[in-house]
Every structure is written in structure tokens, then in C-alpha cells.
Amino acid sequence: MPRRAAEPVETLEERWLLEAQTARNLEGFAAEQAGNLEEAIALYERNVTEGFVGDLPYGRLVAIYERRAAFDEAERVLLRAIEVFAASTRRTPGDRRATVRVFKNRLAALRKRRKSAES
């Protein structure tokens, strides 16, 4: 089947990176389920730093940081998610907008929760 003109061409290196990041997410989730939160955080954080194109590491990190009341860390991850998804070429414009909206709403809720906790 021929590629559509709008589809980005993925290099072999990009494919390998995506596969490594996906494996890291699975390892992170398994570590999290086993109670190894520091290991999970390290794996998720690496994907966040690298700008992983899926939402799993961002959402999981925010959940972990919120449970720890580490609001600055959760906000940092949400801001990075917004940055990554707004610039993504792997999603349709509508999907990009919807994903960014979800993370912006979560950021607003986090800021409200942090303000309540500080009062």
C-alpha cells in the first residue's frame, strides 16, 4: 500500500528509538506494579527527556508525583507533555489538539490542587 503524502518518513534510527522507549515504558510499568517506584520513575523520566510520542510515561509520572505531593515535578512533566504533543508530527492535528487539551486540563487541576494544599 503506498504512503500518503502527509505521512512522515520514519528513519531506522527513529524506529529503534521508539522501540527502545516502548520497552522502557513496559519495564517502568512492571517496576511500578512491583512497587519499585524509583526504578519506574527513572525509566519514565528518560522517555520524557527524550520526548516519547505516547502519553504513558507522562501520565504515570504525574500520578506518582501527585501521590507524593511533588507538585513541582508533576507540573514539569505536564509542561513537557504539552510541549511534545503540540509539536508531534505523528498525530493528526485534531488528535494533537485533544491530547494537549487533556494535559492542559490536568495541569490546571494540579495547580488548583497545589494551591489548596498550600493554603
PDB file of N, CA and C in Angstrom:
ATOM      1  N   MET A   1       0.846  -1.171   0.000  1.00  0.00           N
ATOM      2  CA  MET A   1       0.000   0.000   0.000  1.00  0.00           C
ATOM      3  C   MET A   1       0.896   1.240   0.000  1.00  0.00           C
ATOM      4  N   PRO A   2       0.684   2.192  -0.898  1.00  0.00           N
ATOM      5  CA  PRO A   2       1.535   3.383  -0.963  1.00  0.00           C
ATOM      6  C   PRO A   2       1.304   4.303   0.223  1.00  0.00           C
ATOM      7  N   ARG A   3       2.372   5.029   0.594  1.00  0.00           N
ATOM      8  CA  ARG A   3       2.282   6.002   1.692  1.00  0.00           C
ATOM      9  C   ARG A   3       1.483   7.206   1.224  1.00  0.00           C
ATOM     10  N   ARG A   4       0.733   7.770   2.131  1.00  0.00           N
ATOM     11  CA  ARG A   4       0.069   9.040   1.841  1.00  0.00           C
ATOM     12  C   ARG A   4       1.105  10.143   1.943  1.00  0.00           C
ATOM     13  N   ALA A   5       0.945  11.171   1.169  1.00  0.00           N
ATOM     14  CA  ALA A   5       1.931  12.257   1.116  1.00  0.00           C
ATOM     15  C   ALA A   5       2.154  12.922   2.469  1.00  0.00           C
ATOM     16  N   ALA A   6       1.138  12.971   3.318  1.00  0.00           N
ATOM     17  CA  ALA A   6       1.255  13.684   4.592  1.00  0.00           C
ATOM     18  C   ALA A   6       1.976  12.865   5.664  1.00  0.00           C
ATOM     19  N   GLU A   7       2.174  11.567   5.442  1.00  0.00           N
ATOM     20  CA  GLU A   7       2.818  10.745   6.458  1.00  0.00           C
ATOM     21  C   GLU A   7       4.311  11.030   6.514  1.00  0.00           C
ATOM     22  N   PRO A   8       4.855  11.265   7.722  1.00  0.00           N
ATOM     23  CA  PRO A   8       6.294  11.488   7.827  1.00  0.00           C
ATOM     24  C   PRO A   8       7.046  10.184   7.563  1.00  0.00           C
ATOM     25  N   VAL A   9       8.185  10.292   6.967  1.00  0.00           N
ATOM     26  CA  VAL A   9       9.025   9.126   6.732  1.00  0.00           C
ATOM     27  C   VAL A   9       9.854   8.895   7.989  1.00  0.00           C
ATOM     28  N   GLU A  10       9.788   7.679   8.501  1.00  0.00           N
ATOM     29  CA  GLU A  10      10.492   7.344   9.730  1.00  0.00           C
ATOM     30  C   GLU A  10      11.831   6.697   9.374  1.00  0.00           C
ATOM     31  N   THR A  11      12.891   7.196   9.986  1.00  0.00           N
ATOM     32  CA  THR A  11      14.202   6.602   9.745  1.00  0.00           C
ATOM     33  C   THR A  11      14.351   5.345  10.599  1.00  0.00           C
ATOM     34  N   LEU A  12      15.336   4.549  10.270  1.00  0.00           N
ATOM     35  CA  LEU A  12      15.613   3.347  11.041  1.00  0.00           C
ATOM     36  C   LEU A  12      15.985   3.703  12.482  1.00  0.00           C
ATOM     37  N   GLU A  13      16.758   4.774  12.653  1.00  0.00           N
ATOM     38  CA  GLU A  13      17.141   5.213  13.998  1.00  0.00           C
ATOM     39  C   GLU A  13      15.925   5.640  14.814  1.00  0.00           C
ATOM     40  N   GLU A  14      14.982   6.335  14.167  1.00  0.00           N
ATOM     41  CA  GLU A  14      13.758   6.748  14.861  1.00  0.00           C
ATOM     42  C   GLU A  14      12.941   5.526  15.280  1.00  0.00           C
ATOM     43  N   ARG A  15      12.879   4.521  14.428  1.00  0.00           N
ATOM     44  CA  ARG A  15      12.153   3.295  14.739  1.00  0.00           C
ATOM     45  C   ARG A  15      12.801   2.584  15.933  1.00  0.00           C
ATOM     46  N   TRP A  16      14.138   2.490  15.920  1.00  0.00           N
ATOM     47  CA  TRP A  16      14.850   1.850  17.033  1.00  0.00           C
ATOM     48  C   TRP A  16      14.618   2.602  18.338  1.00  0.00           C
ATOM     49  N   LEU A  17      14.672   3.932  18.274  1.00  0.00           N
ATOM     50  CA  LEU A  17      14.440   4.742  19.470  1.00  0.00           C
ATOM     51  C   LEU A  17      13.030   4.500  20.005  1.00  0.00           C
ATOM     52  N   LEU A  18      12.055   4.503  19.118  1.00  0.00           N
ATOM     53  CA  LEU A  18      10.670   4.286  19.526  1.00  0.00           C
ATOM     54  C   LEU A  18      10.505   2.905  20.169  1.00  0.00           C
ATOM     55  N   GLU A  19      11.147   1.901  19.599  1.00  0.00           N
ATOM     56  CA  GLU A  19      11.070   0.557  20.171  1.00  0.00           C
ATOM     57  C   GLU A  19      11.741   0.504  21.548  1.00  0.00           C
ATOM     58  N   ALA A  20      12.885   1.163  21.691  1.00  0.00           N
ATOM     59  CA  ALA A  20      13.578   1.200  22.989  1.00  0.00           C
ATOM     60  C   ALA A  20      12.728   1.930  24.026  1.00  0.00           C
ATOM     61  N   GLN A  21      12.113   3.034  23.619  1.00  0.00           N
ATOM     62  CA  GLN A  21      11.269   3.796  24.538  1.00  0.00           C
ATOM     63  C   GLN A  21      10.042   2.987  24.952  1.00  0.00           C
ATOM     64  N   THR A  22       9.449   2.289  24.008  1.00  0.00           N
ATOM     65  CA  THR A  22       8.286   1.462  24.317  1.00  0.00           C
ATOM     66  C   THR A  22       8.666   0.357  25.297  1.00  0.00           C
ATOM     67  N   ALA A  23       9.812  -0.266  25.081  1.00  0.00           N
ATOM     68  CA  ALA A  23      10.295  -1.296  26.016  1.00  0.00           C
ATOM     69  C   ALA A  23      10.522  -0.699  27.395  1.00  0.00           C
ATOM     70  N   ARG A  24      11.065   0.524  27.452  1.00  0.00           N
ATOM     71  CA  ARG A  24      11.288   1.203  28.738  1.00  0.00           C
ATOM     72  C   ARG A  24       9.963   1.451  29.451  1.00  0.00           C
ATOM     73  N   ASN A  25       8.945   1.848  28.691  1.00  0.00           N
ATOM     74  CA  ASN A  25       7.628   2.067  29.305  1.00  0.00           C
ATOM     75  C   ASN A  25       7.102   0.778  29.923  1.00  0.00           C
ATOM     76  N   LEU A  26       7.250  -0.332  29.206  1.00  0.00           N
ATOM     77  CA  LEU A  26       6.787  -1.622  29.729  1.00  0.00           C
ATOM     78  C   LEU A  26       7.571  -2.011  30.981  1.00  0.00           C
ATOM     79  N   GLU A  27       8.881  -1.787  30.952  1.00  0.00           N
ATOM     80  CA  GLU A  27       9.709  -2.061  32.135  1.00  0.00           C
ATOM     81  C   GLU A  27       9.300  -1.156  33.292  1.00  0.00           C
ATOM     82  N   GLY A  28       9.058   0.108  32.999  1.00  0.00           N
ATOM     83  CA  GLY A  28       8.650   1.055  34.031  1.00  0.00           C
ATOM     84  C   GLY A  28       7.328   0.670  34.655  1.00  0.00           C
ATOM     85  N   PHE A  29       6.382   0.267  33.815  1.00  0.00           N
ATOM     86  CA  PHE A  29       5.074  -0.129  34.325  1.00  0.00           C
ATOM     87  C   PHE A  29       5.196  -1.381  35.191  1.00  0.00           C
ATOM     88  N   ALA A  30       6.005  -2.342  34.758  1.00  0.00           N
ATOM     89  CA  ALA A  30       6.222  -3.556  35.551  1.00  0.00           C
ATOM     90  C   ALA A  30       6.890  -3.212  36.882  1.00  0.00           C
ATOM     91  N   ALA A  31       7.874  -2.325  36.851  1.00  0.00           N
ATOM     92  CA  ALA A  31       8.554  -1.904  38.085  1.00  0.00           C
ATOM     93  C   ALA A  31       7.563  -1.218  39.020  1.00  0.00           C
ATOM     94  N   GLU A  32       6.732  -0.375  38.437  1.00  0.00           N
ATOM     95  CA  GLU A  32       5.721   0.330  39.239  1.00  0.00           C
ATOM     96  C   GLU A  32       4.773  -0.670  39.900  1.00  0.00           C
ATOM     97  N   GLN A  33       4.307  -1.647  39.138  1.00  0.00           N
ATOM     98  CA  GLN A  33       3.381  -2.649  39.682  1.00  0.00           C
ATOM     99  C   GLN A  33       4.039  -3.492  40.762  1.00  0.00           C
ATOM    100  N   ALA A  34       5.364  -3.678  40.653  1.00  0.00           N
ATOM    101  CA  ALA A  34       6.105  -4.450  41.654  1.00  0.00           C
ATOM    102  C   ALA A  34       6.503  -3.610  42.860  1.00  0.00           C
ATOM    103  N   GLY A  35       6.149  -2.318  42.847  1.00  0.00           N
ATOM    104  CA  GLY A  35       6.474  -1.443  43.971  1.00  0.00           C
ATOM    105  C   GLY A  35       7.843  -0.806  43.890  1.00  0.00           C
ATOM    106  N   ASN A  36       8.541  -0.958  42.780  1.00  0.00           N
ATOM    107  CA  ASN A  36       9.860  -0.357  42.592  1.00  0.00           C
ATOM    108  C   ASN A  36       9.706   1.017  41.945  1.00  0.00           C
ATOM    109  N   LEU A  37       9.187   1.955  42.710  1.00  0.00           N
ATOM    110  CA  LEU A  37       8.846   3.261  42.148  1.00  0.00           C
ATOM    111  C   LEU A  37      10.054   4.043  41.657  1.00  0.00           C
ATOM    112  N   GLU A  38      11.173   3.951  42.349  1.00  0.00           N
ATOM    113  CA  GLU A  38      12.354   4.709  41.904  1.00  0.00           C
ATOM    114  C   GLU A  38      12.831   4.220  40.539  1.00  0.00           C
ATOM    115  N   GLU A  39      12.798   2.916  40.328  1.00  0.00           N
ATOM    116  CA  GLU A  39      13.168   2.354  39.022  1.00  0.00           C
ATOM    117  C   GLU A  39      12.174   2.809  37.949  1.00  0.00           C
ATOM    118  N   ALA A  40      10.890   2.754  38.271  1.00  0.00           N
ATOM    119  CA  ALA A  40       9.859   3.180  37.326  1.00  0.00           C
ATOM    120  C   ALA A  40      10.046   4.651  36.967  1.00  0.00           C
ATOM    121  N   ILE A  41      10.285   5.480  37.969  1.00  0.00           N
ATOM    122  CA  ILE A  41      10.486   6.909  37.735  1.00  0.00           C
ATOM    123  C   ILE A  41      11.667   7.126  36.796  1.00  0.00           C
ATOM    124  N   ALA A  42      12.764   6.445  37.039  1.00  0.00           N
ATOM    125  CA  ALA A  42      13.956   6.618  36.192  1.00  0.00           C
ATOM    126  C   ALA A  42      13.666   6.237  34.744  1.00  0.00           C
ATOM    127  N   LEU A  43      12.947   5.152  34.531  1.00  0.00           N
ATOM    128  CA  LEU A  43      12.624   4.721  33.173  1.00  0.00           C
ATOM    129  C   LEU A  43      11.676   5.704  32.487  1.00  0.00           C
ATOM    130  N   TYR A  44      10.626   6.105  33.193  1.00  0.00           N
ATOM    131  CA  TYR A  44       9.679   7.070  32.621  1.00  0.00           C
ATOM    132  C   TYR A  44      10.360   8.416  32.346  1.00  0.00           C
ATOM    133  N   GLU A  45      11.190   8.855  33.286  1.00  0.00           N
ATOM    134  CA  GLU A  45      11.864  10.152  33.123  1.00  0.00           C
ATOM    135  C   GLU A  45      12.762  10.165  31.884  1.00  0.00           C
ATOM    136  N   ARG A  46      13.408   9.055  31.614  1.00  0.00           N
ATOM    137  CA  ARG A  46      14.258   9.007  30.415  1.00  0.00           C
ATOM    138  C   ARG A  46      13.406   9.211  29.165  1.00  0.00           C
ATOM    139  N   ASN A  47      12.245   8.580  29.113  1.00  0.00           N
ATOM    140  CA  ASN A  47      11.373   8.757  27.953  1.00  0.00           C
ATOM    141  C   ASN A  47      10.831  10.178  27.858  1.00  0.00           C
ATOM    142  N   VAL A  48      10.532  10.775  28.989  1.00  0.00           N
ATOM    143  CA  VAL A  48      10.065  12.167  28.998  1.00  0.00           C
ATOM    144  C   VAL A  48      11.170  13.077  28.471  1.00  0.00           C
ATOM    145  N   THR A  49      12.383  12.867  28.936  1.00  0.00           N
ATOM    146  CA  THR A  49      13.526  13.661  28.472  1.00  0.00           C
ATOM    147  C   THR A  49      13.707  13.531  26.965  1.00  0.00           C
ATOM    148  N   GLU A  50      13.539  12.307  26.462  1.00  0.00           N
ATOM    149  CA  GLU A  50      13.708  12.051  25.031  1.00  0.00           C
ATOM    150  C   GLU A  50      12.500  12.470  24.199  1.00  0.00           C
ATOM    151  N   GLY A  51      11.420  12.893  24.844  1.00  0.00           N
ATOM    152  CA  GLY A  51      10.239  13.351  24.115  1.00  0.00           C
ATOM    153  C   GLY A  51       9.437  12.217  23.502  1.00  0.00           C
ATOM    154  N   PHE A  52       9.255  11.129  24.246  1.00  0.00           N
ATOM    155  CA  PHE A  52       8.460   9.997  23.764  1.00  0.00           C
ATOM    156  C   PHE A  52       7.110  10.484  23.264  1.00  0.00           C
ATOM    157  N   VAL A  53       6.643   9.905  22.160  1.00  0.00           N
ATOM    158  CA  VAL A  53       5.444  10.412  21.481  1.00  0.00           C
ATOM    159  C   VAL A  53       4.127   9.844  22.006  1.00  0.00           C
ATOM    160  N   GLY A  54       4.179   8.965  22.985  1.00  0.00           N
ATOM    161  CA  GLY A  54       2.965   8.434  23.594  1.00  0.00           C
ATOM    162  C   GLY A  54       2.775   9.009  24.981  1.00  0.00           C
ATOM    163  N   ASP A  55       1.566   8.941  25.497  1.00  0.00           N
ATOM    164  CA  ASP A  55       1.278   9.624  26.758  1.00  0.00           C
ATOM    165  C   ASP A  55       1.565   8.820  28.024  1.00  0.00           C
ATOM    166  N   LEU A  56       1.898   7.543  27.905  1.00  0.00           N
ATOM    167  CA  LEU A  56       2.054   6.706  29.101  1.00  0.00           C
ATOM    168  C   LEU A  56       3.076   7.228  30.099  1.00  0.00           C
ATOM    169  N   PRO A  57       4.320   7.517  29.722  1.00  0.00           N
ATOM    170  CA  PRO A  57       5.275   7.913  30.768  1.00  0.00           C
ATOM    171  C   PRO A  57       4.900   9.229  31.441  1.00  0.00           C
ATOM    172  N   TYR A  58       4.283  10.126  30.698  1.00  0.00           N
ATOM    173  CA  TYR A  58       3.879  11.418  31.271  1.00  0.00           C
ATOM    174  C   TYR A  58       2.767  11.202  32.309  1.00  0.00           C
ATOM    175  N   GLY A  59       1.756  10.460  31.910  1.00  0.00           N
ATOM    176  CA  GLY A  59       0.636  10.212  32.819  1.00  0.00           C
ATOM    177  C   GLY A  59       1.036   9.437  34.065  1.00  0.00           C
ATOM    178  N   ARG A  60       1.882   8.420  33.898  1.00  0.00           N
ATOM    179  CA  ARG A  60       2.311   7.628  35.047  1.00  0.00           C
ATOM    180  C   ARG A  60       3.165   8.460  35.998  1.00  0.00           C
ATOM    181  N   LEU A  61       4.100   9.244  35.442  1.00  0.00           N
ATOM    182  CA  LEU A  61       4.942  10.083  36.304  1.00  0.00           C
ATOM    183  C   LEU A  61       4.105  11.092  37.077  1.00  0.00           C
ATOM    184  N   VAL A  62       3.168  11.732  36.407  1.00  0.00           N
ATOM    185  CA  VAL A  62       2.330  12.716  37.087  1.00  0.00           C
ATOM    186  C   VAL A  62       1.564  12.045  38.222  1.00  0.00           C
ATOM    187  N   ALA A  63       1.038  10.862  37.980  1.00  0.00           N
ATOM    188  CA  ALA A  63       0.298  10.150  39.025  1.00  0.00           C
ATOM    189  C   ALA A  63       1.199   9.847  40.223  1.00  0.00           C
ATOM    190  N   ILE A  64       2.408   9.379  39.936  1.00  0.00           N
ATOM    191  CA  ILE A  64       3.358   9.074  41.026  1.00  0.00           C
ATOM    192  C   ILE A  64       3.705  10.344  41.796  1.00  0.00           C
ATOM    193  N   TYR A  65       4.042  11.401  41.062  1.00  0.00           N
ATOM    194  CA  TYR A  65       4.428  12.651  41.719  1.00  0.00           C
ATOM    195  C   TYR A  65       3.265  13.265  42.497  1.00  0.00           C
ATOM    196  N   GLU A  66       2.055  13.163  41.982  1.00  0.00           N
ATOM    197  CA  GLU A  66       0.898  13.691  42.715  1.00  0.00           C
ATOM    198  C   GLU A  66       0.702  12.923  44.024  1.00  0.00           C
ATOM    199  N   ARG A  67       0.844  11.599  43.970  1.00  0.00           N
ATOM    200  CA  ARG A  67       0.700  10.802  45.205  1.00  0.00           C
ATOM    201  C   ARG A  67       1.743  11.206  46.237  1.00  0.00           C
ATOM    202  N   ARG A  68       2.905  11.629  45.779  1.00  0.00           N
ATOM    203  CA  ARG A  68       3.980  12.053  46.686  1.00  0.00           C
ATOM    204  C   ARG A  68       3.884  13.541  47.037  1.00  0.00           C
ATOM    205  N   ALA A  69       2.886  14.223  46.531  1.00  0.00           N
ATOM    206  CA  ALA A  69       2.726  15.673  46.694  1.00  0.00           C
ATOM    207  C   ALA A  69       3.944  16.423  46.148  1.00  0.00           C
ATOM    208  N   ALA A  70       4.579  15.868  45.125  1.00  0.00           N
ATOM    209  CA  ALA A  70       5.717  16.501  44.445  1.00  0.00           C
ATOM    210  C   ALA A  70       5.158  17.301  43.266  1.00  0.00           C
ATOM    211  N   PHE A  71       4.455  18.374  43.599  1.00  0.00           N
ATOM    212  CA  PHE A  71       3.710  19.128  42.601  1.00  0.00           C
ATOM    213  C   PHE A  71       4.602  19.802  41.565  1.00  0.00           C
ATOM    214  N   ASP A  72       5.778  20.260  41.971  1.00  0.00           N
ATOM    215  CA  ASP A  72       6.689  20.881  41.002  1.00  0.00           C
ATOM    216  C   ASP A  72       7.130  19.875  39.950  1.00  0.00           C
ATOM    217  N   GLU A  73       7.414  18.664  40.381  1.00  0.00           N
ATOM    218  CA  GLU A  73       7.816  17.610  39.437  1.00  0.00           C
ATOM    219  C   GLU A  73       6.661  17.256  38.509  1.00  0.00           C
ATOM    220  N   ALA A  74       5.468  17.124  39.065  1.00  0.00           N
ATOM    221  CA  ALA A  74       4.294  16.806  38.246  1.00  0.00           C
ATOM    222  C   ALA A  74       4.045  17.911  37.218  1.00  0.00           C
ATOM    223  N   GLU A  75       4.192  19.160  37.638  1.00  0.00           N
ATOM    224  CA  GLU A  75       3.986  20.281  36.713  1.00  0.00           C
ATOM    225  C   GLU A  75       5.034  20.268  35.607  1.00  0.00           C
ATOM    226  N   ARG A  76       6.272  19.997  35.958  1.00  0.00           N
ATOM    227  CA  ARG A  76       7.340  19.925  34.955  1.00  0.00           C
ATOM    228  C   ARG A  76       7.019  18.877  33.892  1.00  0.00           C
ATOM    229  N   VAL A  77       6.552  17.717  34.328  1.00  0.00           N
ATOM    230  CA  VAL A  77       6.225  16.633  33.388  1.00  0.00           C
ATOM    231  C   VAL A  77       5.039  17.024  32.514  1.00  0.00           C
ATOM    232  N   LEU A  78       4.034  17.650  33.090  1.00  0.00           N
ATOM    233  CA  LEU A  78       2.873  18.080  32.298  1.00  0.00           C
ATOM    234  C   LEU A  78       3.263  19.126  31.260  1.00  0.00           C
ATOM    235  N   LEU A  79       4.112  20.064  31.649  1.00  0.00           N
ATOM    236  CA  LEU A  79       4.565  21.080  30.690  1.00  0.00           C
ATOM    237  C   LEU A  79       5.363  20.440  29.555  1.00  0.00           C
ATOM    238  N   ARG A  80       6.171  19.438  29.877  1.00  0.00           N
ATOM    239  CA  ARG A  80       6.924  18.729  28.845  1.00  0.00           C
ATOM    240  C   ARG A  80       5.971  17.972  27.923  1.00  0.00           C
ATOM    241  N   ALA A  81       4.948  17.336  28.474  1.00  0.00           N
ATOM    242  CA  ALA A  81       3.967  16.617  27.660  1.00  0.00           C
ATOM    243  C   ALA A  81       3.282  17.570  26.686  1.00  0.00           C
ATOM    244  N   ILE A  82       2.886  18.735  27.170  1.00  0.00           N
ATOM    245  CA  ILE A  82       2.234  19.722  26.309  1.00  0.00           C
ATOM    246  C   ILE A  82       3.173  20.129  25.177  1.00  0.00           C
ATOM    247  N   GLU A  83       4.423  20.360  25.510  1.00  0.00           N
ATOM    248  CA  GLU A  83       5.433  20.736  24.507  1.00  0.00           C
ATOM    249  C   GLU A  83       5.603  19.634  23.454  1.00  0.00           C
ATOM    250  N   VAL A  84       5.751  18.397  23.905  1.00  0.00           N
ATOM    251  CA  VAL A  84       5.987  17.271  22.991  1.00  0.00           C
ATOM    252  C   VAL A  84       4.781  17.040  22.090  1.00  0.00           C
ATOM    253  N   PHE A  85       3.594  17.017  22.660  1.00  0.00           N
ATOM    254  CA  PHE A  85       2.409  16.701  21.862  1.00  0.00           C
ATOM    255  C   PHE A  85       2.005  17.837  20.944  1.00  0.00           C
ATOM    256  N   ALA A  86       2.246  19.070  21.339  1.00  0.00           N
ATOM    257  CA  ALA A  86       1.946  20.200  20.463  1.00  0.00           C
ATOM    258  C   ALA A  86       2.819  20.168  19.212  1.00  0.00           C
ATOM    259  N   ALA A  87       4.031  19.643  19.336  1.00  0.00           N
ATOM    260  CA  ALA A  87       4.970  19.609  18.212  1.00  0.00           C
ATOM    261  C   ALA A  87       4.953  18.279  17.455  1.00  0.00           C
ATOM    262  N   SER A  88       4.171  17.315  17.897  1.00  0.00           N
ATOM    263  CA  SER A  88       4.187  15.980  17.313  1.00  0.00           C
ATOM    264  C   SER A  88       3.738  15.983  15.859  1.00  0.00           C
ATOM    265  N   THR A  89       4.480  15.257  15.047  1.00  0.00           N
ATOM    266  CA  THR A  89       4.065  15.062  13.649  1.00  0.00           C
ATOM    267  C   THR A  89       3.490  13.669  13.461  1.00  0.00           C
ATOM    268  N   ARG A  90       3.439  12.887  14.518  1.00  0.00           N
ATOM    269  CA  ARG A  90       2.925  11.516  14.444  1.00  0.00           C
ATOM    270  C   ARG A  90       1.418  11.467  14.659  1.00  0.00           C
ATOM    271  N   ARG A  91       0.821  12.571  15.011  1.00  0.00           N
ATOM    272  CA  ARG A  91      -0.612  12.616  15.284  1.00  0.00           C
ATOM    273  C   ARG A  91      -1.295  13.575  14.320  1.00  0.00           C
ATOM    274  N   THR A  92      -2.573  13.376  14.130  1.00  0.00           N
ATOM    275  CA  THR A  92      -3.340  14.309  13.302  1.00  0.00           C
ATOM    276  C   THR A  92      -3.493  15.615  14.078  1.00  0.00           C
ATOM    277  N   PRO A  93      -3.748  16.718  13.387  1.00  0.00           N
ATOM    278  CA  PRO A  93      -3.948  17.983  14.110  1.00  0.00           C
ATOM    279  C   PRO A  93      -5.051  17.891  15.170  1.00  0.00           C
ATOM    280  N   GLY A  94      -6.134  17.226  14.861  1.00  0.00           N
ATOM    281  CA  GLY A  94      -7.216  17.081  15.833  1.00  0.00           C
ATOM    282  C   GLY A  94      -6.802  16.268  17.044  1.00  0.00           C
ATOM    283  N   ASP A  95      -6.067  15.195  16.808  1.00  0.00           N
ATOM    284  CA  ASP A  95      -5.581  14.366  17.905  1.00  0.00           C
ATOM    285  C   ASP A  95      -4.580  15.136  18.749  1.00  0.00           C
ATOM    286  N   ARG A  96      -3.713  15.913  18.093  1.00  0.00           N
ATOM    287  CA  ARG A  96      -2.749  16.750  18.830  1.00  0.00           C
ATOM    288  C   ARG A  96      -3.480  17.712  19.750  1.00  0.00           C
ATOM    289  N   ARG A  97      -4.467  18.412  19.193  1.00  0.00           N
ATOM    290  CA  ARG A  97      -5.217  19.381  20.000  1.00  0.00           C
ATOM    291  C   ARG A  97      -5.904  18.707  21.185  1.00  0.00           C
ATOM    292  N   ALA A  98      -6.515  17.556  20.944  1.00  0.00           N
ATOM    293  CA  ALA A  98      -7.221  16.846  22.015  1.00  0.00           C
ATOM    294  C   ALA A  98      -6.251  16.399  23.107  1.00  0.00           C
ATOM    295  N   THR A  99      -5.106  15.878  22.704  1.00  0.00           N
ATOM    296  CA  THR A  99      -4.120  15.409  23.683  1.00  0.00           C
ATOM    297  C   THR A  99      -3.563  16.578  24.481  1.00  0.00           C
ATOM    298  N   VAL A 100      -3.238  17.658  23.808  1.00  0.00           N
ATOM    299  CA  VAL A 100      -2.724  18.848  24.504  1.00  0.00           C
ATOM    300  C   VAL A 100      -3.787  19.374  25.468  1.00  0.00           C
ATOM    301  N   ARG A 101      -5.040  19.370  25.044  1.00  0.00           N
ATOM    302  CA  ARG A 101      -6.121  19.849  25.907  1.00  0.00           C
ATOM    303  C   ARG A 101      -6.217  19.000  27.179  1.00  0.00           C
ATOM    304  N   VAL A 102      -6.078  17.689  27.042  1.00  0.00           N
ATOM    305  CA  VAL A 102      -6.124  16.802  28.210  1.00  0.00           C
ATOM    306  C   VAL A 102      -5.018  17.167  29.191  1.00  0.00           C
ATOM    307  N   PHE A 103      -3.802  17.346  28.675  1.00  0.00           N
ATOM    308  CA  PHE A 103      -2.683  17.667  29.566  1.00  0.00           C
ATOM    309  C   PHE A 103      -2.817  19.075  30.148  1.00  0.00           C
ATOM    310  N   LYS A 104      -3.344  20.027  29.389  1.00  0.00           N
ATOM    311  CA  LYS A 104      -3.561  21.369  29.938  1.00  0.00           C
ATOM    312  C   LYS A 104      -4.611  21.341  31.039  1.00  0.00           C
ATOM    313  N   ASN A 105      -5.664  20.558  30.847  1.00  0.00           N
ATOM    314  CA  ASN A 105      -6.690  20.431  31.885  1.00  0.00           C
ATOM    315  C   ASN A 105      -6.113  19.787  33.142  1.00  0.00           C
ATOM    316  N   ARG A 106      -5.273  18.786  32.939  1.00  0.00           N
ATOM    317  CA  ARG A 106      -4.636  18.127  34.088  1.00  0.00           C
ATOM    318  C   ARG A 106      -3.698  19.088  34.809  1.00  0.00           C
ATOM    319  N   LEU A 107      -3.005  19.948  34.036  1.00  0.00           N
ATOM    320  CA  LEU A 107      -2.124  20.950  34.626  1.00  0.00           C
ATOM    321  C   LEU A 107      -2.929  21.948  35.451  1.00  0.00           C
ATOM    322  N   ALA A 108      -4.058  22.401  34.926  1.00  0.00           N
ATOM    323  CA  ALA A 108      -4.900  23.346  35.665  1.00  0.00           C
ATOM    324  C   ALA A 108      -5.399  22.708  36.967  1.00  0.00           C
ATOM    325  N   ALA A 109      -5.802  21.443  36.902  1.00  0.00           N
ATOM    326  CA  ALA A 109      -6.277  20.743  38.099  1.00  0.00           C
ATOM    327  C   ALA A 109      -5.136  20.577  39.108  1.00  0.00           C
ATOM    328  N   LEU A 110      -3.941  20.282  38.625  1.00  0.00           N
ATOM    329  CA  LEU A 110      -2.777  20.143  39.509  1.00  0.00           C
ATOM    330  C   LEU A 110      -2.484  21.457  40.219  1.00  0.00           C
ATOM    331  N   ARG A 111      -2.492  22.537  39.458  1.00  0.00           N
ATOM    332  CA  ARG A 111      -2.209  23.849  40.058  1.00  0.00           C
ATOM    333  C   ARG A 111      -3.253  24.211  41.108  1.00  0.00           C
ATOM    334  N   LYS A 112      -4.499  23.877  40.847  1.00  0.00           N
ATOM    335  CA  LYS A 112      -5.568  24.144  41.810  1.00  0.00           C
ATOM    336  C   LYS A 112      -5.366  23.295  43.067  1.00  0.00           C
ATOM    337  N   ARG A 113      -4.990  22.031  42.853  1.00  0.00           N
ATOM    338  CA  ARG A 113      -4.761  21.125  43.988  1.00  0.00           C
ATOM    339  C   ARG A 113      -3.573  21.604  44.823  1.00  0.00           C
ATOM    340  N   ARG A 114      -2.508  22.045  44.139  1.00  0.00           N
ATOM    341  CA  ARG A 114      -1.321  22.524  44.860  1.00  0.00           C
ATOM    342  C   ARG A 114      -1.680  23.779  45.667  1.00  0.00           C
ATOM    343  N   LYS A 115      -2.447  24.660  45.081  1.00  0.00           N
ATOM    344  CA  LYS A 115      -2.843  25.897  45.778  1.00  0.00           C
ATOM    345  C   LYS A 115      -3.660  25.556  47.030  1.00  0.00           C
ATOM    346  N   SER A 116      -4.550  24.584  46.911  1.00  0.00           N
ATOM    347  CA  SER A 116      -5.340  24.148  48.069  1.00  0.00           C
ATOM    348  C   SER A 116      -4.457  23.548  49.153  1.00  0.00           C
ATOM    349  N   ALA A 117      -3.450  22.773  48.730  1.00  0.00           N
ATOM    350  CA  ALA A 117      -2.550  22.125  49.689  1.00  0.00           C
ATOM    351  C   ALA A 117      -1.693  23.151  50.415  1.00  0.00           C
ATOM    352  N   GLU A 118      -1.388  24.266  49.737  1.00  0.00           N
ATOM    353  CA  GLU A 118      -0.548  25.306  50.345  1.00  0.00           C
ATOM    354  C   GLU A 118      -1.327  26.218  51.270  1.00  0.00           C
ATOM    355  N   SER A 119      -2.655  26.181  51.157  1.00  0.00           N
ATOM    356  CA  SER A 119      -3.489  27.079  51.989  1.00  0.00           C
ATOM    357  C   SER A 119      -3.674  26.551  53.380  1.00  0.00           C
TER     358      SER A 119
END
